[in-house]
């Protein structure tokens, strides 16, 4: 299986503009620029997309792990907070903040253990070489 995306850029770093399109066309010529990446602008940026991909992958992995353990997942919500070191121009880590609705028969300790396993094993986590932290709220 292959997944594809396309990026187009025209112009200098600060004055230029680009567009990102995904295979599914959910993003279809979606604008990105210096402003959307390093300031406030309308559009997206690679770091935001990486955080979104990680949040989506991890949350699905938690749901899959709960299902494999014989439980029916309730509401799962993840915020992924990507840290970008502006001096070094590198991603220094991602914090996953998971909120899970209580599931009959699943203790908080079990839920946290399942979440840790999902953090280690989701496809996007495995593709990254930065530290990944996890905070879990389970109620």
C-alpha atoms as a PDB file:
ATOM      1  CA  UNK A   1       0.000   0.000   0.000  1.00  0.00           C
ATOM      2  CA  UNK A   2       1.230   3.476  -0.796  1.00  0.00           C
ATOM      3  CA  UNK A   3      -0.162   6.821   0.278  1.00  0.00           C
ATOM      4  CA  UNK A   4       0.773   9.976  -1.591  1.00  0.00           C
ATOM      5  CA  UNK A   5       0.722  13.723  -1.230  1.00  0.00           C
ATOM      6  CA  UNK A   6       1.944  16.528  -3.421  1.00  0.00           C
ATOM      7  CA  UNK A   7       3.450  19.864  -2.475  1.00  0.00           C
ATOM      8  CA  UNK A   8       4.062  22.787  -4.797  1.00  0.00           C
ATOM      9  CA  UNK A   9       6.065  25.898  -3.855  1.00  0.00           C
ATOM     10  CA  UNK A  10       6.707  29.108  -5.759  1.00  0.00           C
ATOM     11  CA  UNK A  11       8.880  32.003  -4.590  1.00  0.00           C
ATOM     12  CA  UNK A  12      11.267  32.828  -1.800  1.00  0.00           C
ATOM     13  CA  UNK A  13      10.953  31.409   1.695  1.00  0.00           C
ATOM     14  CA  UNK A  14       9.274  34.460   3.209  1.00  0.00           C
ATOM     15  CA  UNK A  15       7.326  35.790   0.220  1.00  0.00           C
ATOM     16  CA  UNK A  16       6.548  32.511  -1.532  1.00  0.00           C
ATOM     17  CA  UNK A  17       3.469  30.359  -1.329  1.00  0.00           C
ATOM     18  CA  UNK A  18       2.681  26.714  -1.690  1.00  0.00           C
ATOM     19  CA  UNK A  19      -0.135  24.245  -1.960  1.00  0.00           C
ATOM     20  CA  UNK A  20      -0.472  20.754  -0.535  1.00  0.00           C
ATOM     21  CA  UNK A  21      -2.770  18.095  -1.997  1.00  0.00           C
ATOM     22  CA  UNK A  22      -3.350  14.621  -0.602  1.00  0.00           C
ATOM     23  CA  UNK A  23      -4.268  11.479  -2.508  1.00  0.00           C
ATOM     24  CA  UNK A  24      -7.741  11.511  -0.954  1.00  0.00           C
ATOM     25  CA  UNK A  25      -8.117  15.219  -1.866  1.00  0.00           C
ATOM     26  CA  UNK A  26      -9.159  15.997   1.704  1.00  0.00           C
ATOM     27  CA  UNK A  27      -6.400  18.538   1.304  1.00  0.00           C
ATOM     28  CA  UNK A  28      -6.784  19.908  -2.191  1.00  0.00           C
ATOM     29  CA  UNK A  29      -4.392  22.704  -3.069  1.00  0.00           C
ATOM     30  CA  UNK A  30      -4.421  23.703   0.600  1.00  0.00           C
ATOM     31  CA  UNK A  31      -2.351  26.818   1.103  1.00  0.00           C
ATOM     32  CA  UNK A  32       0.848  26.894   3.107  1.00  0.00           C
ATOM     33  CA  UNK A  33       3.417  29.643   3.444  1.00  0.00           C
ATOM     34  CA  UNK A  34       6.051  31.130   5.700  1.00  0.00           C
ATOM     35  CA  UNK A  35       3.269  32.882   7.643  1.00  0.00           C
ATOM     36  CA  UNK A  36       1.244  29.696   8.157  1.00  0.00           C
ATOM     37  CA  UNK A  37       4.371  27.900   9.289  1.00  0.00           C
ATOM     38  CA  UNK A  38       6.122  30.448  11.493  1.00  0.00           C
ATOM     39  CA  UNK A  39       3.495  33.114  12.267  1.00  0.00           C
ATOM     40  CA  UNK A  40      -0.261  33.472  11.852  1.00  0.00           C
ATOM     41  CA  UNK A  41      -1.701  32.902   8.431  1.00  0.00           C
ATOM     42  CA  UNK A  42      -4.540  31.129   6.696  1.00  0.00           C
ATOM     43  CA  UNK A  43      -3.525  27.641   5.659  1.00  0.00           C
ATOM     44  CA  UNK A  44      -1.582  24.748   7.097  1.00  0.00           C
ATOM     45  CA  UNK A  45       2.039  23.729   7.622  1.00  0.00           C
ATOM     46  CA  UNK A  46       4.082  20.519   7.712  1.00  0.00           C
ATOM     47  CA  UNK A  47       4.372  20.443  11.509  1.00  0.00           C
ATOM     48  CA  UNK A  48       0.619  20.824  11.976  1.00  0.00           C
ATOM     49  CA  UNK A  49       0.033  18.017   9.494  1.00  0.00           C
ATOM     50  CA  UNK A  50       2.533  15.790  11.296  1.00  0.00           C
ATOM     51  CA  UNK A  51       0.774  16.443  14.615  1.00  0.00           C
ATOM     52  CA  UNK A  52      -2.608  15.689  13.006  1.00  0.00           C
ATOM     53  CA  UNK A  53      -1.296  12.464  11.503  1.00  0.00           C
ATOM     54  CA  UNK A  54       0.154  11.386  14.839  1.00  0.00           C
ATOM     55  CA  UNK A  55      -3.049  12.201  16.751  1.00  0.00           C
ATOM     56  CA  UNK A  56      -5.145  10.259  14.246  1.00  0.00           C
ATOM     57  CA  UNK A  57      -2.843   7.246  14.093  1.00  0.00           C
ATOM     58  CA  UNK A  58      -2.418   7.012  17.867  1.00  0.00           C
ATOM     59  CA  UNK A  59      -6.141   7.367  18.614  1.00  0.00           C
ATOM     60  CA  UNK A  60      -6.975   4.614  16.117  1.00  0.00           C
ATOM     61  CA  UNK A  61      -4.245   2.443  17.657  1.00  0.00           C
ATOM     62  CA  UNK A  62      -5.780   2.875  21.134  1.00  0.00           C
ATOM     63  CA  UNK A  63      -9.181   1.893  19.727  1.00  0.00           C
ATOM     64  CA  UNK A  64      -7.670  -1.141  17.993  1.00  0.00           C
ATOM     65  CA  UNK A  65      -5.794  -2.255  21.126  1.00  0.00           C
ATOM     66  CA  UNK A  66      -8.938  -1.950  23.256  1.00  0.00           C
ATOM     67  CA  UNK A  67     -10.892  -3.964  20.691  1.00  0.00           C
ATOM     68  CA  UNK A  68      -8.178  -6.646  20.550  1.00  0.00           C
ATOM     69  CA  UNK A  69      -8.333  -6.858  24.346  1.00  0.00           C
ATOM     70  CA  UNK A  70     -12.073  -7.591  24.107  1.00  0.00           C
ATOM     71  CA  UNK A  71     -13.422  -4.152  25.008  1.00  0.00           C
ATOM     72  CA  UNK A  72     -15.631  -1.740  23.096  1.00  0.00           C
ATOM     73  CA  UNK A  73     -13.968   1.666  23.076  1.00  0.00           C
ATOM     74  CA  UNK A  74     -15.959   4.715  24.070  1.00  0.00           C
ATOM     75  CA  UNK A  75     -15.020   8.271  23.108  1.00  0.00           C
ATOM     76  CA  UNK A  76     -11.286   8.739  22.576  1.00  0.00           C
ATOM     77  CA  UNK A  77      -9.843  12.198  21.901  1.00  0.00           C
ATOM     78  CA  UNK A  78      -6.166  13.017  21.416  1.00  0.00           C
ATOM     79  CA  UNK A  79      -4.415  16.360  21.191  1.00  0.00           C
ATOM     80  CA  UNK A  80      -0.936  16.088  19.682  1.00  0.00           C
ATOM     81  CA  UNK A  81       1.357  18.954  20.637  1.00  0.00           C
ATOM     82  CA  UNK A  82       4.461  19.134  18.493  1.00  0.00           C
ATOM     83  CA  UNK A  83       7.439  21.077  19.843  1.00  0.00           C
ATOM     84  CA  UNK A  84       9.429  22.926  17.193  1.00  0.00           C
ATOM     85  CA  UNK A  85      12.794  24.404  18.204  1.00  0.00           C
ATOM     86  CA  UNK A  86      12.922  27.572  16.125  1.00  0.00           C
ATOM     87  CA  UNK A  87      16.648  28.086  16.695  1.00  0.00           C
ATOM     88  CA  UNK A  88      17.692  24.618  15.557  1.00  0.00           C
ATOM     89  CA  UNK A  89      14.736  24.270  13.154  1.00  0.00           C
ATOM     90  CA  UNK A  90      13.939  20.789  14.369  1.00  0.00           C
ATOM     91  CA  UNK A  91      11.069  18.930  15.959  1.00  0.00           C
ATOM     92  CA  UNK A  92      12.156  18.126  19.510  1.00  0.00           C
ATOM     93  CA  UNK A  93       9.196  16.059  20.646  1.00  0.00           C
ATOM     94  CA  UNK A  94       5.486  15.374  20.544  1.00  0.00           C
ATOM     95  CA  UNK A  95       3.131  15.229  23.504  1.00  0.00           C
ATOM     96  CA  UNK A  96       0.018  13.111  23.047  1.00  0.00           C
ATOM     97  CA  UNK A  97      -2.805  14.094  25.399  1.00  0.00           C
ATOM     98  CA  UNK A  98      -5.418  11.328  25.385  1.00  0.00           C
ATOM     99  CA  UNK A  99      -8.840  11.651  26.957  1.00  0.00           C
ATOM    100  CA  UNK A 100     -10.818   8.434  27.158  1.00  0.00           C
ATOM    101  CA  UNK A 101     -14.368   7.871  28.369  1.00  0.00           C
ATOM    102  CA  UNK A 102     -14.635   5.109  30.969  1.00  0.00           C
ATOM    103  CA  UNK A 103     -15.242   1.595  29.651  1.00  0.00           C
ATOM    104  CA  UNK A 104     -16.988  -1.090  31.694  1.00  0.00           C
ATOM    105  CA  UNK A 105     -14.406  -3.572  32.961  1.00  0.00           C
ATOM    106  CA  UNK A 106     -11.346  -1.435  32.155  1.00  0.00           C
ATOM    107  CA  UNK A 107      -9.435   0.056  35.069  1.00  0.00           C
ATOM    108  CA  UNK A 108      -7.495   3.284  34.750  1.00  0.00           C
ATOM    109  CA  UNK A 109      -4.249   1.297  35.009  1.00  0.00           C
ATOM    110  CA  UNK A 110      -5.316  -1.036  32.173  1.00  0.00           C
ATOM    111  CA  UNK A 111      -6.354   1.900  30.029  1.00  0.00           C
ATOM    112  CA  UNK A 112      -3.033   3.669  30.593  1.00  0.00           C
ATOM    113  CA  UNK A 113      -1.100   0.493  29.762  1.00  0.00           C
ATOM    114  CA  UNK A 114      -3.061   0.062  26.540  1.00  0.00           C
ATOM    115  CA  UNK A 115      -2.414   3.716  25.662  1.00  0.00           C
ATOM    116  CA  UNK A 116       1.331   3.294  26.275  1.00  0.00           C
ATOM    117  CA  UNK A 117       1.353   0.269  23.988  1.00  0.00           C
ATOM    118  CA  UNK A 118      -0.482   2.228  21.302  1.00  0.00           C
ATOM    119  CA  UNK A 119       1.993   5.102  21.658  1.00  0.00           C
ATOM    120  CA  UNK A 120       4.899   2.734  21.069  1.00  0.00           C
ATOM    121  CA  UNK A 121       3.266   0.810  18.242  1.00  0.00           C
ATOM    122  CA  UNK A 122       1.244   3.236  16.155  1.00  0.00           C
ATOM    123  CA  UNK A 123       2.655   3.544  12.657  1.00  0.00           C
ATOM    124  CA  UNK A 124       3.446   7.256  12.921  1.00  0.00           C
ATOM    125  CA  UNK A 125       5.163   6.843  16.315  1.00  0.00           C
ATOM    126  CA  UNK A 126       7.394   4.193  14.796  1.00  0.00           C
ATOM    127  CA  UNK A 127       8.259   6.528  11.906  1.00  0.00           C
ATOM    128  CA  UNK A 128       9.472   9.302  14.214  1.00  0.00           C
ATOM    129  CA  UNK A 129      12.839   9.621  15.925  1.00  0.00           C
ATOM    130  CA  UNK A 130      11.839  12.291  18.462  1.00  0.00           C
ATOM    131  CA  UNK A 131      10.761  11.722  22.060  1.00  0.00           C
ATOM    132  CA  UNK A 132       7.036  11.069  22.368  1.00  0.00           C
ATOM    133  CA  UNK A 133       5.319  11.784  25.690  1.00  0.00           C
ATOM    134  CA  UNK A 134       1.846  10.722  26.789  1.00  0.00           C
ATOM    135  CA  UNK A 135      -0.652  12.175  29.247  1.00  0.00           C
ATOM    136  CA  UNK A 136      -3.872  10.238  29.851  1.00  0.00           C
ATOM    137  CA  UNK A 137      -7.165  11.381  31.316  1.00  0.00           C
ATOM    138  CA  UNK A 138      -9.600   8.531  31.867  1.00  0.00           C
ATOM    139  CA  UNK A 139     -13.008   9.128  33.354  1.00  0.00           C
END
